Amino acid sequence: MENFGEIITAMVTAFDGEGAVDYEGTAALATWLVENGSDGLVVCGTTGESPTLTDDEKLGLFSAVIEAVGDRAPVIAGTGSNDTAHSIELTRKAADLGVDAVLLVTPYYNKPPAAGQLAHFRAIAAAADVPVILYNIPGRCGVNVEPETLAELNQVENIVAVKQANPDLEQTRRLMELCDMGVYAGNDDMLLPLVEMGALGGICVASHLVGRQMKEIVNLYRAGRQEEARRLDESLRPLYAELFTLTNPILIKAALNMLGHEVGGLRLPLVAATEAETAGLRRVLEQLSLAGSNA
């Protein structure tokens, strides 16, 4: 089982004032994240606004982040889509750049059955000699990758883990009974529950802001200090909830900008939060003593 760390941040993509990719700003954020609790980074995932990035922009972002932190932290490239041939091509190019792994989301909109999911992921995994992390997020993709399907995919040598963003914890429990696939919590509020089951850690969003605290949750639990881990997790749950009152990454970008990390706006069809929509987030940041500081 390959382990890329306990807290992996699915990082935002920084844009400039004209909406162009800010490669230097993204690299600076990557450096800050690795210095503040992130063991690894996912680049061009959901939080990175992958649907509105071109392939050239994605490859440029992979290169920028590798150059910034590749000697200190694993860089995981979001190369999945609902087009198998396209995903194969982008995965090969990312592997050639030297990414440490790729993240492959379940094909969305076309909603393949289990046989199609198996064929899709096997084809991409066979196309490049790079570790593969699957990304099961039925809330966005409209289809769930069942534990039995994931267990079959676990037999593919370079499919090493799954980012499990299915909130049904019984699905993860069943998966762990079926095979030894590495599991990362795909929702922030699932971090501790899945670590309690034996997960490797989480691929997280709130870790942009509280990476050290989220890593401490894992460390406390594994050190036998479970009640301390649960108290710390409970203290962060208002932040976990507030960040997802609007579609991600709207509010994590708002929070980063509030705290002095200039990551810019969003690409349509996403739009910036209004003042009213960020009021609750501001309150939570103040309660956590984050507001007014550079996180």
Protein backbone atom coordinates (compact mmCIF):
# COMPACT_ATOMS: atom_id res chain seq x y z
CA MET A 1 0.00 0.00 0.00
CA GLU A 2 1.50 3.31 -1.09
CA ASN A 3 1.20 6.20 1.36
CA PHE A 4 1.44 9.81 0.22
CA GLY A 5 1.01 11.26 3.69
CA GLU A 6 -1.77 11.90 6.17
CA ILE A 7 -3.04 15.33 5.11
CA ILE A 8 -3.09 16.02 1.40
CA THR A 9 -4.56 19.36 0.37
CA ALA A 10 -6.67 19.50 -2.77
CA MET A 11 -5.39 22.96 -3.56
CA VAL A 12 -7.08 25.86 -5.30
CA THR A 13 -5.79 27.32 -8.55
CA ALA A 14 -4.81 30.96 -8.24
CA PHE A 15 -6.01 33.34 -10.96
CA ASP A 16 -4.93 36.88 -11.71
CA GLY A 17 -7.23 39.86 -12.07
CA GLU A 18 -8.01 38.94 -15.67
CA GLY A 19 -8.90 35.36 -14.84
CA ALA A 20 -5.68 33.87 -16.24
CA VAL A 21 -3.86 31.18 -14.29
CA ASP A 22 -1.40 32.71 -11.82
CA TYR A 23 1.34 30.09 -11.85
CA GLU A 24 3.59 31.99 -9.45
CA GLY A 25 0.71 32.55 -7.02
CA THR A 26 -0.23 28.87 -7.16
CA ALA A 27 3.39 27.86 -6.54
CA ALA A 28 3.60 30.27 -3.59
CA LEU A 29 0.44 28.80 -2.10
CA ALA A 30 1.82 25.28 -2.59
CA THR A 31 4.95 26.24 -0.68
CA TRP A 32 2.92 27.74 2.15
CA LEU A 33 0.70 24.65 2.38
CA VAL A 34 3.65 22.27 2.60
CA GLU A 35 5.14 24.43 5.35
CA ASN A 36 1.86 24.42 7.27
CA GLY A 37 0.65 20.87 7.67
CA SER A 38 0.15 19.47 4.17
CA ASP A 39 2.08 16.26 3.46
CA GLY A 40 1.15 16.35 -0.22
CA LEU A 41 -0.91 18.29 -2.75
CA VAL A 42 -3.53 17.52 -5.35
CA VAL A 43 -3.27 19.93 -8.28
CA CYS A 44 -6.21 20.49 -10.65
CA GLY A 45 -8.77 18.53 -8.71
CA THR A 46 -12.31 19.71 -7.95
CA THR A 47 -11.03 22.46 -5.66
CA GLY A 48 -8.57 23.50 -8.37
CA GLU A 49 -11.45 24.19 -10.79
CA SER A 50 -10.29 21.48 -13.17
CA PRO A 51 -13.41 21.60 -15.39
CA THR A 52 -12.53 25.11 -16.58
CA LEU A 53 -8.78 24.61 -17.07
CA THR A 54 -7.26 23.71 -20.42
CA ASP A 55 -4.82 20.83 -20.70
CA ASP A 56 -1.96 23.27 -21.28
CA GLU A 57 -2.93 25.17 -18.11
CA LYS A 58 -3.06 21.93 -16.14
CA LEU A 59 0.35 20.83 -17.37
CA GLY A 60 1.74 24.26 -16.54
CA LEU A 61 0.31 24.00 -13.04
CA PHE A 62 1.74 20.52 -12.50
CA SER A 63 5.16 21.82 -13.54
CA ALA A 64 4.94 24.93 -11.36
CA VAL A 65 3.98 22.98 -8.24
CA ILE A 66 6.60 20.29 -8.85
CA GLU A 67 9.24 22.98 -9.17
CA ALA A 68 8.05 24.67 -5.98
CA VAL A 69 7.63 21.67 -3.65
CA GLY A 70 8.33 18.48 -5.56
CA ASP A 71 11.46 17.76 -3.55
CA ARG A 72 9.51 18.04 -0.27
CA ALA A 73 6.01 16.68 -0.90
CA PRO A 74 4.18 14.38 -3.31
CA VAL A 75 2.43 16.19 -6.16
CA ILE A 76 -0.71 14.41 -7.30
CA ALA A 77 -2.15 15.48 -10.65
CA GLY A 78 -5.87 15.55 -11.33
CA THR A 79 -6.00 13.95 -14.79
CA GLY A 80 -9.37 12.21 -14.75
CA SER A 81 -12.47 13.12 -16.74
CA ASN A 82 -15.49 11.40 -18.27
CA ASP A 83 -13.55 10.79 -21.50
CA THR A 84 -11.22 7.80 -21.20
CA ALA A 85 -9.04 8.68 -24.20
CA HIS A 86 -8.60 12.27 -22.98
CA SER A 87 -7.73 11.05 -19.47
CA ILE A 88 -5.14 8.64 -20.88
CA GLU A 89 -3.44 11.42 -22.86
CA LEU A 90 -3.33 13.86 -19.94
CA THR A 91 -2.15 11.15 -17.54
CA ARG A 92 0.73 10.24 -19.83
CA LYS A 93 1.79 13.88 -20.13
CA ALA A 94 1.56 14.41 -16.36
CA ALA A 95 3.64 11.28 -15.76
CA ASP A 96 6.28 12.59 -18.16
CA LEU A 97 6.48 15.78 -16.07
CA GLY A 98 7.30 13.74 -12.99
CA VAL A 99 4.14 13.85 -10.87
CA ASP A 100 4.13 11.39 -8.00
CA ALA A 101 0.62 10.08 -8.69
CA VAL A 102 -2.58 10.92 -10.53
CA LEU A 103 -6.11 11.34 -9.22
CA LEU A 104 -8.86 9.90 -11.43
CA VAL A 105 -12.42 10.98 -10.81
CA THR A 106 -15.36 8.70 -11.59
CA PRO A 107 -16.70 9.46 -15.09
CA TYR A 108 -19.49 11.99 -14.62
CA TYR A 109 -22.60 12.75 -16.68
CA ASN A 110 -22.27 9.65 -18.87
CA LYS A 111 -22.60 7.56 -15.65
CA PRO A 112 -21.01 4.26 -16.70
CA PRO A 113 -22.10 1.03 -15.02
CA ALA A 114 -19.61 -1.00 -13.02
CA ALA A 115 -18.24 -2.72 -16.14
CA GLY A 116 -17.58 0.66 -17.74
CA GLN A 117 -15.95 1.99 -14.58
CA LEU A 118 -13.63 -1.01 -14.49
CA ALA A 119 -12.68 -0.63 -18.14
CA HIS A 120 -12.15 3.13 -17.81
CA PHE A 121 -9.86 3.01 -14.79
CA ARG A 122 -7.94 -0.04 -16.01
CA ALA A 123 -7.25 1.61 -19.36
CA ILE A 124 -5.86 4.78 -17.77
CA ALA A 125 -3.81 2.86 -15.20
CA ALA A 126 -2.26 0.76 -17.97
CA ALA A 127 -1.33 3.82 -20.02
CA ALA A 128 1.28 5.31 -17.68
CA ASP A 129 3.68 3.93 -15.10
CA VAL A 130 2.47 6.14 -12.26
CA PRO A 131 0.49 5.39 -9.07
CA VAL A 132 -3.24 5.97 -9.39
CA ILE A 133 -5.62 7.24 -6.73
CA LEU A 134 -9.30 6.80 -7.62
CA TYR A 135 -11.78 9.51 -6.67
CA ASN A 136 -15.24 8.35 -5.72
CA ILE A 137 -17.55 11.35 -5.36
CA PRO A 138 -21.13 10.31 -6.17
CA GLY A 139 -22.55 13.67 -5.10
CA ARG A 140 -20.87 15.36 -8.08
CA CYS A 141 -20.64 12.48 -10.53
CA GLY A 142 -24.12 11.00 -10.15
CA VAL A 143 -22.75 7.48 -9.83
CA ASN A 144 -21.11 5.59 -6.99
CA VAL A 145 -18.18 3.22 -7.36
CA GLU A 146 -19.32 0.31 -5.24
CA PRO A 147 -16.94 -1.36 -2.78
CA GLU A 148 -16.93 -4.52 -4.85
CA THR A 149 -15.85 -2.56 -7.93
CA LEU A 150 -13.11 -0.79 -5.98
CA ALA A 151 -11.92 -4.17 -4.65
CA GLU A 152 -11.59 -5.43 -8.23
CA LEU A 153 -9.64 -2.33 -9.17
CA ASN A 154 -7.36 -2.91 -6.20
CA GLN A 155 -5.98 -5.89 -8.13
CA VAL A 156 -4.46 -3.48 -10.69
CA GLU A 157 -0.85 -3.06 -9.61
CA ASN A 158 -0.61 0.72 -9.82
CA ILE A 159 -4.09 1.53 -8.49
CA VAL A 160 -3.04 2.20 -4.92
CA ALA A 161 -5.79 4.13 -3.13
CA VAL A 162 -9.18 5.79 -3.29
CA LYS A 163 -10.27 9.24 -2.25
CA GLN A 164 -13.59 8.24 -0.72
CA ALA A 165 -16.07 11.11 -0.80
CA ASN A 166 -19.11 8.90 -0.32
CA PRO A 167 -20.46 9.93 3.12
CA ASP A 168 -21.97 6.49 3.68
CA LEU A 169 -19.38 5.13 6.09
CA GLU A 170 -20.69 1.60 5.64
CA GLN A 171 -19.42 1.72 2.05
CA THR A 172 -15.89 2.36 3.29
CA ARG A 173 -16.20 -0.25 6.01
CA ARG A 174 -17.27 -2.80 3.40
CA LEU A 175 -14.35 -1.83 1.14
CA MET A 176 -11.88 -2.36 3.96
CA GLU A 177 -13.35 -5.78 4.62
CA LEU A 178 -12.96 -6.73 0.97
CA CYS A 179 -9.38 -5.59 0.31
CA ASP A 180 -6.40 -3.59 1.54
CA MET A 181 -6.79 -0.62 -0.81
CA GLY A 182 -5.49 2.58 0.74
CA VAL A 183 -8.29 4.96 1.69
CA TYR A 184 -8.25 8.74 2.02
CA ALA A 185 -11.22 10.63 3.41
CA GLY A 186 -12.62 12.75 0.60
CA ASN A 187 -14.74 15.03 2.79
CA ASP A 188 -13.22 17.01 5.64
CA ASP A 189 -15.81 15.84 8.16
CA MET A 190 -14.95 12.22 7.30
CA LEU A 191 -11.28 12.55 8.30
CA LEU A 192 -11.50 11.27 11.86
CA PRO A 193 -14.25 8.67 11.26
CA LEU A 194 -12.22 7.09 8.47
CA VAL A 195 -8.92 7.30 10.36
CA GLU A 196 -10.70 5.44 13.14
CA MET A 197 -11.41 2.71 10.57
CA GLY A 198 -7.78 2.58 9.47
CA ALA A 199 -7.68 5.08 6.61
CA LEU A 200 -4.37 6.63 5.58
CA GLY A 201 -5.64 10.18 6.15
CA GLY A 202 -7.56 12.71 4.11
CA ILE A 203 -7.48 14.65 0.86
CA CYS A 204 -8.86 17.84 2.29
CA VAL A 205 -10.03 21.39 1.63
CA ALA A 206 -10.06 22.97 5.11
CA SER A 207 -6.38 22.05 5.37
CA HIS A 208 -5.69 25.20 3.34
CA LEU A 209 -6.51 27.00 6.61
CA VAL A 210 -6.03 24.48 9.43
CA GLY A 211 -3.59 21.95 7.99
CA ARG A 212 -1.56 21.68 11.17
CA GLN A 213 -4.66 21.07 13.27
CA MET A 214 -5.99 18.42 10.89
CA LYS A 215 -2.64 16.64 10.94
CA GLU A 216 -2.71 16.80 14.73
CA ILE A 217 -6.09 15.05 14.74
CA VAL A 218 -4.51 12.10 12.95
CA ASN A 219 -1.39 12.14 15.13
CA LEU A 220 -3.38 12.32 18.38
CA TYR A 221 -5.62 9.45 17.38
CA ARG A 222 -2.71 7.24 16.38
CA ALA A 223 -0.88 8.09 19.59
CA GLY A 224 -3.78 6.68 21.60
CA ARG A 225 -5.14 10.10 22.59
CA GLN A 226 -8.51 9.52 20.96
CA GLU A 227 -10.55 11.90 23.11
CA GLU A 228 -8.17 14.77 22.38
CA ALA A 229 -8.41 13.95 18.68
CA ARG A 230 -12.21 14.00 18.89
CA ARG A 231 -12.27 17.33 20.73
CA LEU A 232 -9.99 18.92 18.15
CA ASP A 233 -12.06 17.49 15.31
CA GLU A 234 -15.24 18.81 16.92
CA SER A 235 -13.72 22.29 17.19
CA LEU A 236 -13.10 22.34 13.45
CA ARG A 237 -16.50 21.04 12.37
CA PRO A 238 -18.07 24.52 12.10
CA LEU A 239 -15.35 25.40 9.59
CA TYR A 240 -15.84 22.15 7.67
CA ALA A 241 -19.56 22.89 7.44
CA GLU A 242 -19.25 26.58 6.56
CA LEU A 243 -16.82 26.01 3.71
CA PHE A 244 -19.40 23.86 1.95
CA THR A 245 -22.52 26.00 2.33
CA LEU A 246 -21.80 27.01 -1.27
CA THR A 247 -20.29 24.93 -4.03
CA ASN A 248 -16.59 24.27 -3.45
CA PRO A 249 -14.22 26.09 -4.07
CA ILE A 250 -16.21 29.32 -3.76
CA LEU A 251 -15.77 29.74 -0.01
CA ILE A 252 -12.28 28.32 0.39
CA LYS A 253 -11.12 30.91 -2.15
CA ALA A 254 -13.01 33.60 -0.27
CA ALA A 255 -11.36 32.52 2.98
CA LEU A 256 -7.87 32.46 1.49
CA ASN A 257 -8.32 35.94 0.06
CA MET A 258 -9.62 37.19 3.43
CA LEU A 259 -6.49 35.82 5.09
CA GLY A 260 -4.05 37.45 2.70
CA HIS A 261 -3.40 34.62 0.25
CA GLU A 262 -4.18 36.30 -3.06
CA VAL A 263 -5.73 33.47 -5.08
CA GLY A 264 -8.07 35.60 -7.17
CA GLY A 265 -11.59 34.84 -8.26
CA LEU A 266 -13.35 31.97 -9.96
CA ARG A 267 -14.08 30.98 -13.53
CA LEU A 268 -17.63 30.86 -14.77
CA PRO A 269 -19.97 29.15 -14.18
CA LEU A 270 -18.78 29.59 -10.58
CA VAL A 271 -19.20 33.07 -9.12
CA ALA A 272 -17.85 34.82 -6.05
CA ALA A 273 -19.77 34.71 -2.79
CA THR A 274 -21.65 37.80 -1.68
CA GLU A 275 -20.94 39.60 1.59
CA ALA A 276 -24.03 37.98 3.09
CA GLU A 277 -22.87 34.55 1.97
CA THR A 278 -19.44 35.01 3.59
CA ALA A 279 -20.74 36.35 6.91
CA GLY A 280 -20.88 32.95 8.56
CA LEU A 281 -17.43 32.08 7.26
CA ARG A 282 -15.99 35.29 8.72
CA ARG A 283 -17.50 34.44 12.10
CA VAL A 284 -15.98 30.96 12.09
CA LEU A 285 -12.57 32.28 11.07
CA GLU A 286 -12.72 34.76 13.94
CA GLN A 287 -13.75 32.04 16.38
CA LEU A 288 -10.76 29.96 15.28
CA SER A 289 -8.47 33.02 15.61
CA LEU A 290 -7.67 32.91 11.91
CA ALA A 291 -9.21 36.20 10.79
CA GLY A 292 -6.79 39.08 10.81
CA SER A 293 -3.80 36.80 10.47
CA ASN A 294 -2.06 35.16 7.52
CA ALA A 295 -3.60 31.87 8.69
